[in-house]
Amino acid sequence: MDELERLKQDWKNQDATYPKLTYNEIYKMILKKSSSIVKWIFIISLLEFAFWTLISFAFKDSDSILRFEEYNAENILIPMTVLGYIILIYFFYQFFKNYRTISATDSAKKLMENILKTRRTVKQYVGFNLIYLFISTFVALGILFKKDENFSEIIDKASANGELFKLYATTILATLFALAIAIGLILVFYYLIYGILLKRLNSNYTELKKLED
């Protein structure tokens, strides 16, 4: 039995004349655990951002990246990149704000509300990353079809043979299959990191509900 469970049992078994101190002790313990979890969510999101930034810099001189830069698609890529960074900064701010808010919470009811808000923020963050990956992949595919000379030759040949629809369908299906694998791996990563933290946060929420009953 962990310390929180022991305190709960002591609180239930003590005389009714001593509920306030033990209630506060249990609440403060849940508050401390919740604050620590949300702090780690914030830290891990920053580490994740730093990791992918380092990966992008490591491969910026690769042949595929250099060839892609020759397509002169900055009018599409730069706004998408800027928008992506703006939204990520928004989520980092929300994670930090949630941490500060939970750390300063002074009631069980308010703490429960903040826990639910943090869970929603994490789910929105994960959803944004997956949606952005999906959209950016098909934007890149569209640029390749339009700008790449090799793709243009393949398209012209397929069009001449009456197989243009087959070419598009095959390419899109192959891209969707690759995306499914990538998204699956990302979801596993998010489950192992954010999922475990959210599970612990949800456990704290459940304990608070019991405490308030």
C-alpha atoms as a PDB file:
ATOM      1  CA  MET A   1       0.000   0.000   0.000  1.00  0.00           C
ATOM      2  CA  ASP A   2       1.512   3.336  -1.008  1.00  0.00           C
ATOM      3  CA  GLU A   3       1.588   6.440   1.160  1.00  0.00           C
ATOM      4  CA  LEU A   4      -1.504   7.951  -0.431  1.00  0.00           C
ATOM      5  CA  GLU A   5      -3.606   4.849   0.199  1.00  0.00           C
ATOM      6  CA  ARG A   6      -2.361   4.654   3.803  1.00  0.00           C
ATOM      7  CA  LEU A   7      -3.323   8.268   4.422  1.00  0.00           C
ATOM      8  CA  LYS A   8      -6.766   7.641   2.919  1.00  0.00           C
ATOM      9  CA  GLN A   9      -7.334   4.660   5.177  1.00  0.00           C
ATOM     10  CA  ASP A  10      -6.185   6.653   8.215  1.00  0.00           C
ATOM     11  CA  TRP A  11      -8.484   9.485   7.227  1.00  0.00           C
ATOM     12  CA  LYS A  12     -11.490   7.158   6.991  1.00  0.00           C
ATOM     13  CA  ASN A  13     -10.716   5.390  10.263  1.00  0.00           C
ATOM     14  CA  GLN A  14     -10.083   8.449  12.442  1.00  0.00           C
ATOM     15  CA  ASP A  15     -12.679  10.190  14.537  1.00  0.00           C
ATOM     16  CA  ALA A  16     -14.928  12.725  12.893  1.00  0.00           C
ATOM     17  CA  THR A  17     -13.344  15.465  15.007  1.00  0.00           C
ATOM     18  CA  TYR A  18     -10.097  15.192  12.978  1.00  0.00           C
ATOM     19  CA  PRO A  19     -11.056  15.147   9.302  1.00  0.00           C
ATOM     20  CA  LYS A  20      -9.659  18.462   8.120  1.00  0.00           C
ATOM     21  CA  LEU A  21      -5.945  17.907   8.654  1.00  0.00           C
ATOM     22  CA  THR A  22      -5.889  14.457   7.055  1.00  0.00           C
ATOM     23  CA  TYR A  23      -8.080  15.666   4.183  1.00  0.00           C
ATOM     24  CA  ASN A  24      -5.602  18.467   3.526  1.00  0.00           C
ATOM     25  CA  GLU A  25      -2.674  16.056   3.711  1.00  0.00           C
ATOM     26  CA  ILE A  26      -4.226  13.770   1.110  1.00  0.00           C
ATOM     27  CA  TYR A  27      -5.197  16.704  -1.092  1.00  0.00           C
ATOM     28  CA  LYS A  28      -1.702  18.191  -0.938  1.00  0.00           C
ATOM     29  CA  MET A  29      -0.193  14.841  -1.882  1.00  0.00           C
ATOM     30  CA  ILE A  30      -2.491  14.531  -4.917  1.00  0.00           C
ATOM     31  CA  LEU A  31      -1.740  18.158  -5.819  1.00  0.00           C
ATOM     32  CA  LYS A  32       2.003  17.535  -5.641  1.00  0.00           C
ATOM     33  CA  LYS A  33       1.757  14.385  -7.786  1.00  0.00           C
ATOM     34  CA  SER A  34      -0.466  16.113 -10.359  1.00  0.00           C
ATOM     35  CA  SER A  35       1.835  19.139 -10.562  1.00  0.00           C
ATOM     36  CA  SER A  36       4.836  16.858 -11.111  1.00  0.00           C
ATOM     37  CA  ILE A  37       3.058  14.952 -13.894  1.00  0.00           C
ATOM     38  CA  VAL A  38       2.039  18.128 -15.738  1.00  0.00           C
ATOM     39  CA  LYS A  39       5.576  19.490 -15.378  1.00  0.00           C
ATOM     40  CA  TRP A  40       6.906  16.343 -17.048  1.00  0.00           C
ATOM     41  CA  ILE A  41       4.357  16.670 -19.846  1.00  0.00           C
ATOM     42  CA  PHE A  42       5.706  20.164 -20.493  1.00  0.00           C
ATOM     43  CA  ILE A  43       9.348  19.038 -20.338  1.00  0.00           C
ATOM     44  CA  ILE A  44       8.805  16.005 -22.594  1.00  0.00           C
ATOM     45  CA  SER A  45       6.982  18.112 -25.202  1.00  0.00           C
ATOM     46  CA  LEU A  46      10.002  20.441 -25.346  1.00  0.00           C
ATOM     47  CA  LEU A  47      12.420  17.498 -25.569  1.00  0.00           C
ATOM     48  CA  GLU A  48      10.312  15.998 -28.361  1.00  0.00           C
ATOM     49  CA  PHE A  49      10.400  19.300 -30.254  1.00  0.00           C
ATOM     50  CA  ALA A  50      14.199  19.525 -29.780  1.00  0.00           C
ATOM     51  CA  PHE A  51      14.616  15.939 -30.986  1.00  0.00           C
ATOM     52  CA  TRP A  52      12.713  16.459 -34.236  1.00  0.00           C
ATOM     53  CA  THR A  53      14.478  19.788 -34.792  1.00  0.00           C
ATOM     54  CA  LEU A  54      17.864  18.070 -34.471  1.00  0.00           C
ATOM     55  CA  ILE A  55      16.713  15.330 -36.856  1.00  0.00           C
ATOM     56  CA  SER A  56      15.657  17.918 -39.445  1.00  0.00           C
ATOM     57  CA  PHE A  57      19.023  19.676 -39.170  1.00  0.00           C
ATOM     58  CA  ALA A  58      20.885  16.371 -39.412  1.00  0.00           C
ATOM     59  CA  PHE A  59      19.194  15.534 -42.732  1.00  0.00           C
ATOM     60  CA  LYS A  60      19.007  19.048 -44.202  1.00  0.00           C
ATOM     61  CA  ASP A  61      21.934  18.300 -46.559  1.00  0.00           C
ATOM     62  CA  SER A  62      20.625  14.946 -47.751  1.00  0.00           C
ATOM     63  CA  ASP A  63      20.024  14.439 -51.482  1.00  0.00           C
ATOM     64  CA  SER A  64      16.243  14.239 -51.137  1.00  0.00           C
ATOM     65  CA  ILE A  65      16.036  17.462 -49.110  1.00  0.00           C
ATOM     66  CA  LEU A  66      18.368  19.331 -51.446  1.00  0.00           C
ATOM     67  CA  ARG A  67      16.401  18.124 -54.465  1.00  0.00           C
ATOM     68  CA  PHE A  68      13.158  19.160 -52.820  1.00  0.00           C
ATOM     69  CA  GLU A  69      14.540  22.667 -52.228  1.00  0.00           C
ATOM     70  CA  GLU A  70      15.067  23.000 -55.971  1.00  0.00           C
ATOM     71  CA  TYR A  71      11.304  22.874 -56.551  1.00  0.00           C
ATOM     72  CA  ASN A  72      10.932  26.516 -55.416  1.00  0.00           C
ATOM     73  CA  ALA A  73       7.863  25.754 -53.320  1.00  0.00           C
ATOM     74  CA  GLU A  74       8.738  28.201 -50.537  1.00  0.00           C
ATOM     75  CA  ASN A  75       5.401  29.982 -50.989  1.00  0.00           C
ATOM     76  CA  ILE A  76       3.736  26.810 -49.684  1.00  0.00           C
ATOM     77  CA  LEU A  77       6.354  25.344 -47.356  1.00  0.00           C
ATOM     78  CA  ILE A  78       7.308  28.487 -45.434  1.00  0.00           C
ATOM     79  CA  PRO A  79       3.715  29.419 -44.403  1.00  0.00           C
ATOM     80  CA  MET A  80       3.071  25.798 -43.384  1.00  0.00           C
ATOM     81  CA  THR A  81       6.266  25.684 -41.349  1.00  0.00           C
ATOM     82  CA  VAL A  82       5.587  29.027 -39.659  1.00  0.00           C
ATOM     83  CA  LEU A  83       2.009  28.005 -38.864  1.00  0.00           C
ATOM     84  CA  GLY A  84       3.251  24.703 -37.441  1.00  0.00           C
ATOM     85  CA  TYR A  85       5.744  26.465 -35.164  1.00  0.00           C
ATOM     86  CA  ILE A  86       3.136  28.975 -34.002  1.00  0.00           C
ATOM     87  CA  ILE A  87       0.712  26.213 -33.038  1.00  0.00           C
ATOM     88  CA  LEU A  88       3.469  24.233 -31.288  1.00  0.00           C
ATOM     89  CA  ILE A  89       4.494  27.317 -29.304  1.00  0.00           C
ATOM     90  CA  TYR A  90       0.837  27.725 -28.336  1.00  0.00           C
ATOM     91  CA  PHE A  91       0.750  24.175 -26.983  1.00  0.00           C
ATOM     92  CA  PHE A  92       4.040  24.640 -25.099  1.00  0.00           C
ATOM     93  CA  TYR A  93       2.555  27.740 -23.511  1.00  0.00           C
ATOM     94  CA  GLN A  94      -0.613  25.839 -22.584  1.00  0.00           C
ATOM     95  CA  PHE A  95       1.408  23.018 -21.001  1.00  0.00           C
ATOM     96  CA  PHE A  96       3.418  25.528 -18.972  1.00  0.00           C
ATOM     97  CA  LYS A  97       0.261  27.435 -18.057  1.00  0.00           C
ATOM     98  CA  ASN A  98      -1.440  24.206 -16.936  1.00  0.00           C
ATOM     99  CA  TYR A  99       1.576  23.392 -14.772  1.00  0.00           C
ATOM    100  CA  ARG A 100       1.543  26.823 -13.119  1.00  0.00           C
ATOM    101  CA  THR A 101      -2.226  26.722 -12.645  1.00  0.00           C
ATOM    102  CA  ILE A 102      -2.242  23.255 -11.075  1.00  0.00           C
ATOM    103  CA  SER A 103       0.689  24.134  -8.813  1.00  0.00           C
ATOM    104  CA  ALA A 104      -1.292  27.089  -7.440  1.00  0.00           C
ATOM    105  CA  THR A 105      -4.644  25.290  -7.138  1.00  0.00           C
ATOM    106  CA  ASP A 106      -6.229  25.598  -3.697  1.00  0.00           C
ATOM    107  CA  SER A 107      -9.306  23.366  -3.917  1.00  0.00           C
ATOM    108  CA  ALA A 108     -10.043  19.783  -4.932  1.00  0.00           C
ATOM    109  CA  LYS A 109     -12.827  20.847  -7.288  1.00  0.00           C
ATOM    110  CA  LYS A 110     -10.573  23.297  -9.105  1.00  0.00           C
ATOM    111  CA  LEU A 111      -7.787  20.737  -9.294  1.00  0.00           C
ATOM    112  CA  MET A 112     -10.180  18.242 -10.903  1.00  0.00           C
ATOM    113  CA  GLU A 113     -11.136  20.863 -13.514  1.00  0.00           C
ATOM    114  CA  ASN A 114      -7.475  21.621 -14.240  1.00  0.00           C
ATOM    115  CA  ILE A 115      -6.655  17.930 -14.608  1.00  0.00           C
ATOM    116  CA  LEU A 116      -9.441  17.558 -17.182  1.00  0.00           C
ATOM    117  CA  LYS A 117      -8.170  20.663 -18.986  1.00  0.00           C
ATOM    118  CA  THR A 118      -4.639  19.257 -19.103  1.00  0.00           C
ATOM    119  CA  ARG A 119      -5.902  15.955 -20.512  1.00  0.00           C
ATOM    120  CA  ARG A 120      -7.770  17.817 -23.261  1.00  0.00           C
ATOM    121  CA  THR A 121      -4.667  19.873 -24.090  1.00  0.00           C
ATOM    122  CA  VAL A 122      -2.497  16.760 -24.441  1.00  0.00           C
ATOM    123  CA  LYS A 123      -5.052  15.045 -26.677  1.00  0.00           C
ATOM    124  CA  GLN A 124      -5.319  18.174 -28.842  1.00  0.00           C
ATOM    125  CA  TYR A 125      -1.513  18.331 -29.058  1.00  0.00           C
ATOM    126  CA  VAL A 126      -1.276  14.721 -30.197  1.00  0.00           C
ATOM    127  CA  GLY A 127      -4.134  15.243 -32.660  1.00  0.00           C
ATOM    128  CA  PHE A 128      -2.475  18.336 -34.131  1.00  0.00           C
ATOM    129  CA  ASN A 129       0.840  16.521 -34.669  1.00  0.00           C
ATOM    130  CA  LEU A 130      -0.864  13.646 -36.473  1.00  0.00           C
ATOM    131  CA  ILE A 131      -3.047  15.908 -38.616  1.00  0.00           C
ATOM    132  CA  TYR A 132      -0.060  18.106 -39.487  1.00  0.00           C
ATOM    133  CA  LEU A 133       1.932  15.028 -40.496  1.00  0.00           C
ATOM    134  CA  PHE A 134      -0.934  13.852 -42.709  1.00  0.00           C
ATOM    135  CA  ILE A 135      -1.436  17.228 -44.401  1.00  0.00           C
ATOM    136  CA  SER A 136       2.279  17.974 -44.889  1.00  0.00           C
ATOM    137  CA  THR A 137       2.853  14.535 -46.424  1.00  0.00           C
ATOM    138  CA  PHE A 138       0.202  15.069 -49.099  1.00  0.00           C
ATOM    139  CA  VAL A 139       1.344  18.657 -49.695  1.00  0.00           C
ATOM    140  CA  ALA A 140       4.863  17.326 -50.306  1.00  0.00           C
ATOM    141  CA  LEU A 141       3.430  14.644 -52.590  1.00  0.00           C
ATOM    142  CA  GLY A 142       1.539  17.273 -54.564  1.00  0.00           C
ATOM    143  CA  ILE A 143       4.707  19.338 -54.952  1.00  0.00           C
ATOM    144  CA  LEU A 144       6.579  16.274 -56.187  1.00  0.00           C
ATOM    145  CA  PHE A 145       3.928  15.524 -58.788  1.00  0.00           C
ATOM    146  CA  LYS A 146       3.920  19.107 -59.971  1.00  0.00           C
ATOM    147  CA  LYS A 147       7.603  20.068 -59.779  1.00  0.00           C
ATOM    148  CA  ASP A 148       9.672  16.895 -60.110  1.00  0.00           C
ATOM    149  CA  GLU A 149      10.762  16.160 -63.694  1.00  0.00           C
ATOM    150  CA  ASN A 150      10.886  12.406 -63.138  1.00  0.00           C
ATOM    151  CA  PHE A 151       7.344  12.412 -61.791  1.00  0.00           C
ATOM    152  CA  SER A 152       6.224  14.587 -64.672  1.00  0.00           C
ATOM    153  CA  GLU A 153       7.593  12.035 -67.155  1.00  0.00           C
ATOM    154  CA  ILE A 154       5.853   9.203 -65.319  1.00  0.00           C
ATOM    155  CA  ILE A 155       2.587  11.144 -65.326  1.00  0.00           C
ATOM    156  CA  ASP A 156       2.848  11.928 -69.040  1.00  0.00           C
ATOM    157  CA  LYS A 157       3.567   8.283 -69.847  1.00  0.00           C
ATOM    158  CA  ALA A 158       0.683   7.065 -67.688  1.00  0.00           C
ATOM    159  CA  SER A 159      -1.640   9.628 -69.254  1.00  0.00           C
ATOM    160  CA  ALA A 160      -0.635   8.493 -72.760  1.00  0.00           C
ATOM    161  CA  ASN A 161      -1.335   4.874 -71.809  1.00  0.00           C
ATOM    162  CA  GLY A 162      -4.650   5.701 -70.177  1.00  0.00           C
ATOM    163  CA  GLU A 163      -3.346   4.693 -66.734  1.00  0.00           C
ATOM    164  CA  LEU A 164      -3.281   8.075 -65.065  1.00  0.00           C
ATOM    165  CA  PHE A 165      -5.995   7.157 -62.538  1.00  0.00           C
ATOM    166  CA  LYS A 166      -4.166   3.929 -61.706  1.00  0.00           C
ATOM    167  CA  LEU A 167      -0.937   5.870 -61.127  1.00  0.00           C
ATOM    168  CA  TYR A 168      -2.595   8.357 -58.791  1.00  0.00           C
ATOM    169  CA  ALA A 169      -4.515   5.643 -56.950  1.00  0.00           C
ATOM    170  CA  THR A 170      -1.420   3.486 -56.473  1.00  0.00           C
ATOM    171  CA  THR A 171       0.661   6.440 -55.261  1.00  0.00           C
ATOM    172  CA  ILE A 172      -2.004   7.625 -52.838  1.00  0.00           C
ATOM    173  CA  LEU A 173      -2.571   4.127 -51.449  1.00  0.00           C
ATOM    174  CA  ALA A 174       1.167   3.585 -51.003  1.00  0.00           C
ATOM    175  CA  THR A 175       1.423   6.957 -49.241  1.00  0.00           C
ATOM    176  CA  LEU A 176      -1.531   6.125 -46.982  1.00  0.00           C
ATOM    177  CA  PHE A 177       0.050   2.771 -46.119  1.00  0.00           C
ATOM    178  CA  ALA A 178       3.364   4.440 -45.215  1.00  0.00           C
ATOM    179  CA  LEU A 179       1.491   7.081 -43.218  1.00  0.00           C
ATOM    180  CA  ALA A 180      -0.455   4.399 -41.351  1.00  0.00           C
ATOM    181  CA  ILE A 181       2.802   2.763 -40.280  1.00  0.00           C
ATOM    182  CA  ALA A 182       4.352   6.108 -39.288  1.00  0.00           C
ATOM    183  CA  ILE A 183       1.245   7.190 -37.368  1.00  0.00           C
ATOM    184  CA  GLY A 184       1.091   3.791 -35.669  1.00  0.00           C
ATOM    185  CA  LEU A 185       4.687   4.146 -34.472  1.00  0.00           C
ATOM    186  CA  ILE A 186       4.043   7.707 -33.318  1.00  0.00           C
ATOM    187  CA  LEU A 187       0.918   6.617 -31.425  1.00  0.00           C
ATOM    188  CA  VAL A 188       2.927   3.901 -29.683  1.00  0.00           C
ATOM    189  CA  PHE A 189       5.488   6.530 -28.681  1.00  0.00           C
ATOM    190  CA  TYR A 190       2.782   8.900 -27.454  1.00  0.00           C
ATOM    191  CA  TYR A 191       1.069   6.101 -25.535  1.00  0.00           C
ATOM    192  CA  LEU A 192       4.310   5.083 -23.833  1.00  0.00           C
ATOM    193  CA  ILE A 193       5.097   8.682 -22.881  1.00  0.00           C
ATOM    194  CA  TYR A 194       2.007  10.874 -22.674  1.00  0.00           C
ATOM    195  CA  GLY A 195      -0.421   7.966 -22.282  1.00  0.00           C
ATOM    196  CA  ILE A 196       1.246   6.733 -19.105  1.00  0.00           C
ATOM    197  CA  LEU A 197       1.400  10.252 -17.675  1.00  0.00           C
ATOM    198  CA  LEU A 198      -2.264  10.851 -18.521  1.00  0.00           C
ATOM    199  CA  LYS A 199      -3.174   7.531 -16.916  1.00  0.00           C
ATOM    200  CA  ARG A 200      -1.505   8.645 -13.701  1.00  0.00           C
ATOM    201  CA  LEU A 201      -3.206  12.018 -13.956  1.00  0.00           C
ATOM    202  CA  ASN A 202      -6.551  10.290 -14.449  1.00  0.00           C
ATOM    203  CA  SER A 203      -5.833   8.171 -11.375  1.00  0.00           C
ATOM    204  CA  ASN A 204      -5.314  11.374  -9.394  1.00  0.00           C
ATOM    205  CA  TYR A 205      -8.624  12.671 -10.732  1.00  0.00           C
ATOM    206  CA  THR A 206     -10.360   9.494  -9.535  1.00  0.00           C
ATOM    207  CA  GLU A 207      -8.786   9.860  -6.086  1.00  0.00           C
ATOM    208  CA  LEU A 208     -10.013  13.448  -5.890  1.00  0.00           C
ATOM    209  CA  LYS A 209     -13.564  12.354  -6.734  1.00  0.00           C
ATOM    210  CA  LYS A 210     -13.425   9.787  -3.939  1.00  0.00           C
ATOM    211  CA  LEU A 211     -12.061  12.426  -1.602  1.00  0.00           C
ATOM    212  CA  GLU A 212     -14.953  14.759  -2.415  1.00  0.00           C
ATOM    213  CA  ASP A 213     -17.642  12.074  -2.054  1.00  0.00           C
END
